[in-house]
Protein backbone atom coordinates (compact mmCIF):
# COMPACT_ATOMS: atom_id res chain seq x y z
CA UNK A 1 -12.01 23.11 24.10
CA UNK A 2 -14.84 24.75 26.04
CA UNK A 3 -15.17 27.26 23.19
CA UNK A 4 -15.50 24.45 20.67
CA UNK A 5 -18.12 22.72 22.82
CA UNK A 6 -20.11 25.93 23.17
CA UNK A 7 -20.16 26.52 19.42
CA UNK A 8 -20.61 22.99 18.07
CA UNK A 9 -22.21 21.04 20.93
CA UNK A 10 -22.82 17.37 20.14
CA UNK A 11 -20.80 17.56 16.92
CA UNK A 12 -17.56 17.69 18.91
CA UNK A 13 -15.67 14.39 18.92
CA UNK A 14 -12.64 13.09 20.77
CA UNK A 15 -10.53 11.83 17.89
CA UNK A 16 -7.52 9.48 17.92
CA UNK A 17 -6.88 9.39 14.18
CA UNK A 18 -8.40 10.81 11.04
CA UNK A 19 -8.19 10.81 7.26
CA UNK A 20 -7.73 14.12 5.45
CA UNK A 21 -7.50 15.26 1.86
CA UNK A 22 -3.91 16.40 1.58
CA UNK A 23 -2.39 19.49 -0.02
CA UNK A 24 1.25 20.47 0.17
CA UNK A 25 2.37 23.98 1.09
CA UNK A 26 4.49 24.96 -1.96
CA UNK A 27 7.14 26.72 0.10
CA UNK A 28 7.88 23.67 2.24
CA UNK A 29 11.13 22.08 1.05
CA UNK A 30 11.73 19.43 3.73
CA UNK A 31 11.65 15.68 3.14
CA UNK A 32 8.18 14.19 2.86
CA UNK A 33 7.83 10.46 3.57
CA UNK A 34 5.12 8.18 4.92
CA UNK A 35 5.33 7.09 8.57
CA UNK A 36 7.11 10.35 9.50
CA UNK A 37 5.96 12.27 12.58
CA UNK A 38 4.73 15.84 12.19
CA UNK A 39 3.03 18.43 14.37
CA UNK A 40 -0.74 18.25 13.77
CA UNK A 41 -2.80 21.37 14.52
CA UNK A 42 -6.59 21.08 14.60
CA UNK A 43 -9.03 23.29 16.50
CA UNK A 44 -7.08 24.84 19.37
CA UNK A 45 -4.68 21.92 19.83
CA UNK A 46 -1.33 20.82 18.40
CA UNK A 47 -0.09 17.26 18.92
CA UNK A 48 2.43 14.93 17.32
CA UNK A 49 1.12 12.47 14.76
CA UNK A 50 2.31 10.01 12.15
CA UNK A 51 1.28 10.32 8.50
CA UNK A 52 0.57 7.58 5.97
CA UNK A 53 0.13 8.91 2.42
CA UNK A 54 -2.16 7.30 -0.15
CA UNK A 55 -3.71 8.37 -3.43
CA UNK A 56 -6.32 7.54 -6.03
CA UNK A 57 -4.71 5.33 -8.70
CA UNK A 58 -7.25 6.46 -11.34
CA UNK A 59 -9.03 9.72 -12.11
CA UNK A 60 -12.33 7.81 -12.07
CA UNK A 61 -12.06 7.71 -8.27
CA UNK A 62 -12.38 11.49 -8.21
CA UNK A 63 -10.91 13.70 -5.54
CA UNK A 64 -13.43 12.92 -2.78
CA UNK A 65 -12.46 10.27 -0.23
CA UNK A 66 -14.64 7.17 -0.10
CA UNK A 67 -14.31 3.83 1.67
CA UNK A 68 -15.68 2.29 -1.54
CA UNK A 69 -12.48 3.12 -3.43
CA UNK A 70 -9.12 1.41 -3.49
CA UNK A 71 -6.08 3.59 -2.90
CA UNK A 72 -2.39 3.22 -3.60
CA UNK A 73 0.11 3.58 -0.75
CA UNK A 74 2.67 6.32 -1.35
CA UNK A 75 6.16 6.16 0.16
CA UNK A 76 6.43 9.92 -0.26
CA UNK A 77 4.07 12.73 -1.20
CA UNK A 78 3.23 12.38 -4.94
CA UNK A 79 3.94 15.88 -6.25
CA UNK A 80 2.41 15.06 -9.64
CA UNK A 81 -1.00 14.40 -8.01
CA UNK A 82 -1.15 17.56 -5.92
CA UNK A 83 -4.20 18.79 -7.84
CA UNK A 84 -6.37 16.32 -5.88
CA UNK A 85 -6.86 12.69 -4.99
CA UNK A 86 -4.10 12.57 -2.37
CA UNK A 87 -5.00 11.67 1.21
CA UNK A 88 -3.31 10.89 4.51
CA UNK A 89 -4.11 8.83 7.57
CA UNK A 90 -3.02 10.84 10.62
CA UNK A 91 -2.44 8.78 13.77
CA UNK A 92 -2.21 11.05 16.82
CA UNK A 93 -0.07 10.49 19.89
CA UNK A 94 -2.76 12.20 21.98
CA UNK A 95 -6.47 12.46 21.24
CA UNK A 96 -7.87 15.88 20.28
CA UNK A 97 -11.31 17.45 20.26
CA UNK A 98 -12.56 18.50 16.85
CA UNK A 99 -15.61 18.63 14.63
CA UNK A 100 -16.21 16.98 11.23
CA UNK A 101 -14.60 18.73 8.26
CA UNK A 102 -12.18 20.63 10.50
CA UNK A 103 -9.16 22.29 8.91
CA UNK A 104 -5.89 20.52 9.76
CA UNK A 105 -2.43 22.10 9.53
CA UNK A 106 0.62 19.80 9.41
CA UNK A 107 4.00 21.30 10.21
CA UNK A 108 7.55 20.69 11.42
CA UNK A 109 7.72 23.00 14.41
CA UNK A 110 10.93 21.32 15.54
CA UNK A 111 12.84 22.96 12.67
CA UNK A 112 15.21 25.81 13.55
CA UNK A 113 13.07 28.89 14.19
CA UNK A 114 15.91 31.08 12.89
CA UNK A 115 16.11 29.17 9.62
CA UNK A 116 14.55 30.93 6.59
CA UNK A 117 12.77 27.69 5.56
CA UNK A 118 8.99 27.24 5.73
CA UNK A 119 7.86 24.99 8.60
CA UNK A 120 4.27 24.50 7.39
CA UNK A 121 4.16 21.35 5.27
CA UNK A 122 0.54 20.39 4.48
CA UNK A 123 -3.05 21.31 5.02
CA UNK A 124 -6.39 19.59 4.49
CA UNK A 125 -9.83 18.91 5.90
CA UNK A 126 -10.99 15.91 7.89
CA UNK A 127 -12.81 13.37 5.71
CA UNK A 128 -13.29 10.68 8.37
CA UNK A 129 -12.50 10.43 12.09
CA UNK A 130 -11.56 7.45 14.27
CA UNK A 131 -13.06 8.00 17.71
CA UNK A 132 -12.20 4.61 19.20
CA UNK A 133 -8.98 4.46 21.29
CA UNK A 134 -8.62 0.89 19.96
CA UNK A 135 -8.86 1.90 16.30
CA UNK A 136 -5.68 -0.06 15.42
CA UNK A 137 -7.05 -3.36 16.76
CA UNK A 138 -10.81 -3.10 16.20
CA UNK A 139 -12.44 -2.73 12.77
CA UNK A 140 -12.03 1.06 12.44
CA UNK A 141 -9.36 0.75 9.75
CA UNK A 142 -10.41 -2.51 8.11
CA UNK A 143 -12.52 -0.70 5.52
CA UNK A 144 -9.63 1.52 4.42
CA UNK A 145 -8.47 -0.13 1.18
CA UNK A 146 -4.89 1.10 0.88
CA UNK A 147 -2.61 -1.29 -0.97
CA UNK A 148 1.05 -1.77 -1.77
CA UNK A 149 2.00 -3.36 -5.07
CA UNK A 150 4.43 -6.23 -4.54
CA UNK A 151 6.55 -8.08 -7.06
CA UNK A 152 8.37 -11.41 -6.82
CA UNK A 153 10.43 -13.18 -9.42
CA UNK A 154 11.40 -16.82 -9.64
CA UNK A 155 12.95 -19.20 -12.17
CA UNK A 156 11.17 -21.94 -14.10
CA UNK A 157 13.28 -24.96 -13.17
CA UNK A 158 11.66 -27.52 -15.45
CA UNK A 159 8.38 -28.55 -17.02
CA UNK A 160 6.34 -31.54 -15.86
CA UNK A 161 4.37 -31.43 -19.10
CA UNK A 162 3.49 -28.74 -21.60
CA UNK A 163 0.89 -27.29 -19.18
CA UNK A 164 2.82 -27.47 -15.90
CA UNK A 165 6.05 -25.77 -14.80
CA UNK A 166 8.02 -26.22 -11.57
CA UNK A 167 9.24 -22.83 -10.30
CA UNK A 168 11.98 -22.12 -7.74
CA UNK A 169 13.08 -18.96 -5.90
CA UNK A 170 9.63 -17.36 -6.09
CA UNK A 171 9.03 -18.14 -2.40
CA UNK A 172 11.10 -18.82 0.68
CA UNK A 173 11.05 -22.27 2.24
CA UNK A 174 8.91 -21.07 5.17
CA UNK A 175 6.32 -19.25 3.01
CA UNK A 176 2.74 -20.55 3.14
CA UNK A 177 2.26 -20.99 -0.60
CA UNK A 178 -1.44 -21.77 -0.11
CA UNK A 179 -1.96 -18.01 0.39
CA UNK A 180 -0.78 -17.45 -3.20
CA UNK A 181 -2.70 -20.28 -4.86
CA UNK A 182 -4.58 -19.22 -8.03
CA UNK A 183 -2.68 -15.93 -8.40
CA UNK A 184 -1.56 -15.10 -11.94
CA UNK A 185 2.08 -15.15 -13.02
CA UNK A 186 3.81 -14.08 -16.22
CA UNK A 187 6.61 -16.07 -17.85
CA UNK A 188 9.43 -14.18 -19.57
CA UNK A 189 8.63 -16.17 -22.72
CA UNK A 190 5.17 -14.56 -22.90
CA UNK A 191 2.87 -17.18 -21.36
CA UNK A 192 0.48 -16.53 -18.48
CA UNK A 193 -0.12 -19.05 -15.74
CA UNK A 194 -1.58 -19.58 -12.29
CA UNK A 195 0.04 -20.90 -9.14
CA UNK A 196 -1.41 -24.35 -8.35
CA UNK A 197 0.33 -25.00 -5.04
CA UNK A 198 3.59 -26.06 -3.46
CA UNK A 199 5.98 -28.65 -4.89
CA UNK A 200 7.94 -30.45 -2.22
CA UNK A 201 8.89 -28.55 0.92
CA UNK A 202 11.74 -26.33 -0.26
CA UNK A 203 9.66 -23.33 -1.40
CA UNK A 204 9.14 -24.51 -4.98
CA UNK A 205 5.68 -24.27 -6.56
CA UNK A 206 3.72 -25.65 -9.47
CA UNK A 207 2.41 -23.26 -12.12
CA UNK A 208 -0.36 -24.23 -14.52
CA UNK A 209 -0.19 -22.70 -18.01
CA UNK A 210 -3.73 -23.11 -19.42
CA UNK A 211 -2.80 -22.28 -23.02
CA UNK A 212 0.25 -24.52 -22.90
CA UNK A 213 3.92 -23.62 -23.21
CA UNK A 214 5.17 -22.16 -26.46
CA UNK A 215 8.07 -23.53 -28.45
CA UNK A 216 10.57 -21.06 -26.99
CA UNK A 217 9.71 -22.00 -23.41
CA UNK A 218 9.78 -25.70 -24.29
CA UNK A 219 13.24 -25.33 -25.79
CA UNK A 220 14.53 -23.71 -22.60
CA UNK A 221 12.82 -26.12 -20.25
CA UNK A 222 13.12 -29.42 -22.06
CA UNK A 223 15.16 -31.69 -19.81
CA UNK A 224 17.50 -32.99 -22.47
CA UNK A 225 18.27 -29.54 -23.87
CA UNK A 226 18.73 -28.13 -20.39
CA UNK A 227 21.43 -30.72 -19.67
CA UNK A 228 23.28 -29.41 -22.69
CA UNK A 229 23.82 -26.08 -20.91
CA UNK A 230 23.51 -22.72 -22.64
CA UNK A 231 22.70 -20.60 -19.61
CA UNK A 232 19.27 -19.49 -20.83
CA UNK A 233 16.47 -19.37 -18.28
CA UNK A 234 12.78 -18.59 -18.08
CA UNK A 235 11.82 -16.19 -15.30
CA UNK A 236 8.40 -16.15 -13.65
CA UNK A 237 7.03 -12.86 -12.29
CA UNK A 238 4.28 -12.55 -9.69
CA UNK A 239 2.65 -9.14 -9.15
CA UNK A 240 -0.03 -8.63 -6.50
CA UNK A 241 -1.60 -6.12 -4.15
CA UNK A 242 -1.46 -6.41 -0.37
CA UNK A 243 -3.77 -4.20 1.68
CA UNK A 244 -2.14 -2.48 4.66
CA UNK A 245 -5.10 -2.71 7.02
CA UNK A 246 -6.46 -6.13 6.04
CA UNK A 247 -6.17 -8.42 9.07
CA UNK A 248 -6.43 -11.50 6.84
CA UNK A 249 -3.33 -10.38 4.86
CA UNK A 250 -4.96 -11.41 1.60
CA UNK A 251 -3.23 -10.95 -1.76
CA UNK A 252 -5.27 -9.63 -4.68
CA UNK A 253 -4.53 -8.85 -8.29
């Protein structure tokens, strides 16, 4: 570290986590999943660290990292995007000294040294560093817009009127439905609606259909026809994005 200090001076930082642009070593054949621990080599140090993969969902984002962009969480390394636009958050077990734009090597040094398999997994350069030891609890990560796409499906139980549907099984009884108010849903009969709020206290909710229910949905949901049986049902799908590092746990679409 004294050599780094001598060469770079004030540019040297003590870093607890960083974001890199990520490139896979083609010869590495091991499993590649988010939240896995790897050996992280940067400067003259090698420490253990945990990786979280994310990528640009559109080409318009480009291949440069920016806190202005939204990124999609990846459960595993997306091979089809290896030409650029893939990044990783590296959370280190021990802080290291490094300078901005440092080269980072990610490997599995715990693999059998006598095995003919490649132990070098990824490489990249630091795009942003977290220098605060409290980066997980302060605001260091709050600007990192990495989201998971979530889906829920419920059943339209009945209609109050041609613009309002009561939906069950979309939420659990203990869910705070207020967090989902005004989110869009899609009915299997083609209509779009918005969640208005809870209905009773069993996890059911009210959905407003601004354009009104079509004839097919009305046939399925009409009380009298429903009593006649038939087994048909209208499903209601909710799709939303939840950001991993958002302390407010907001849902967006």
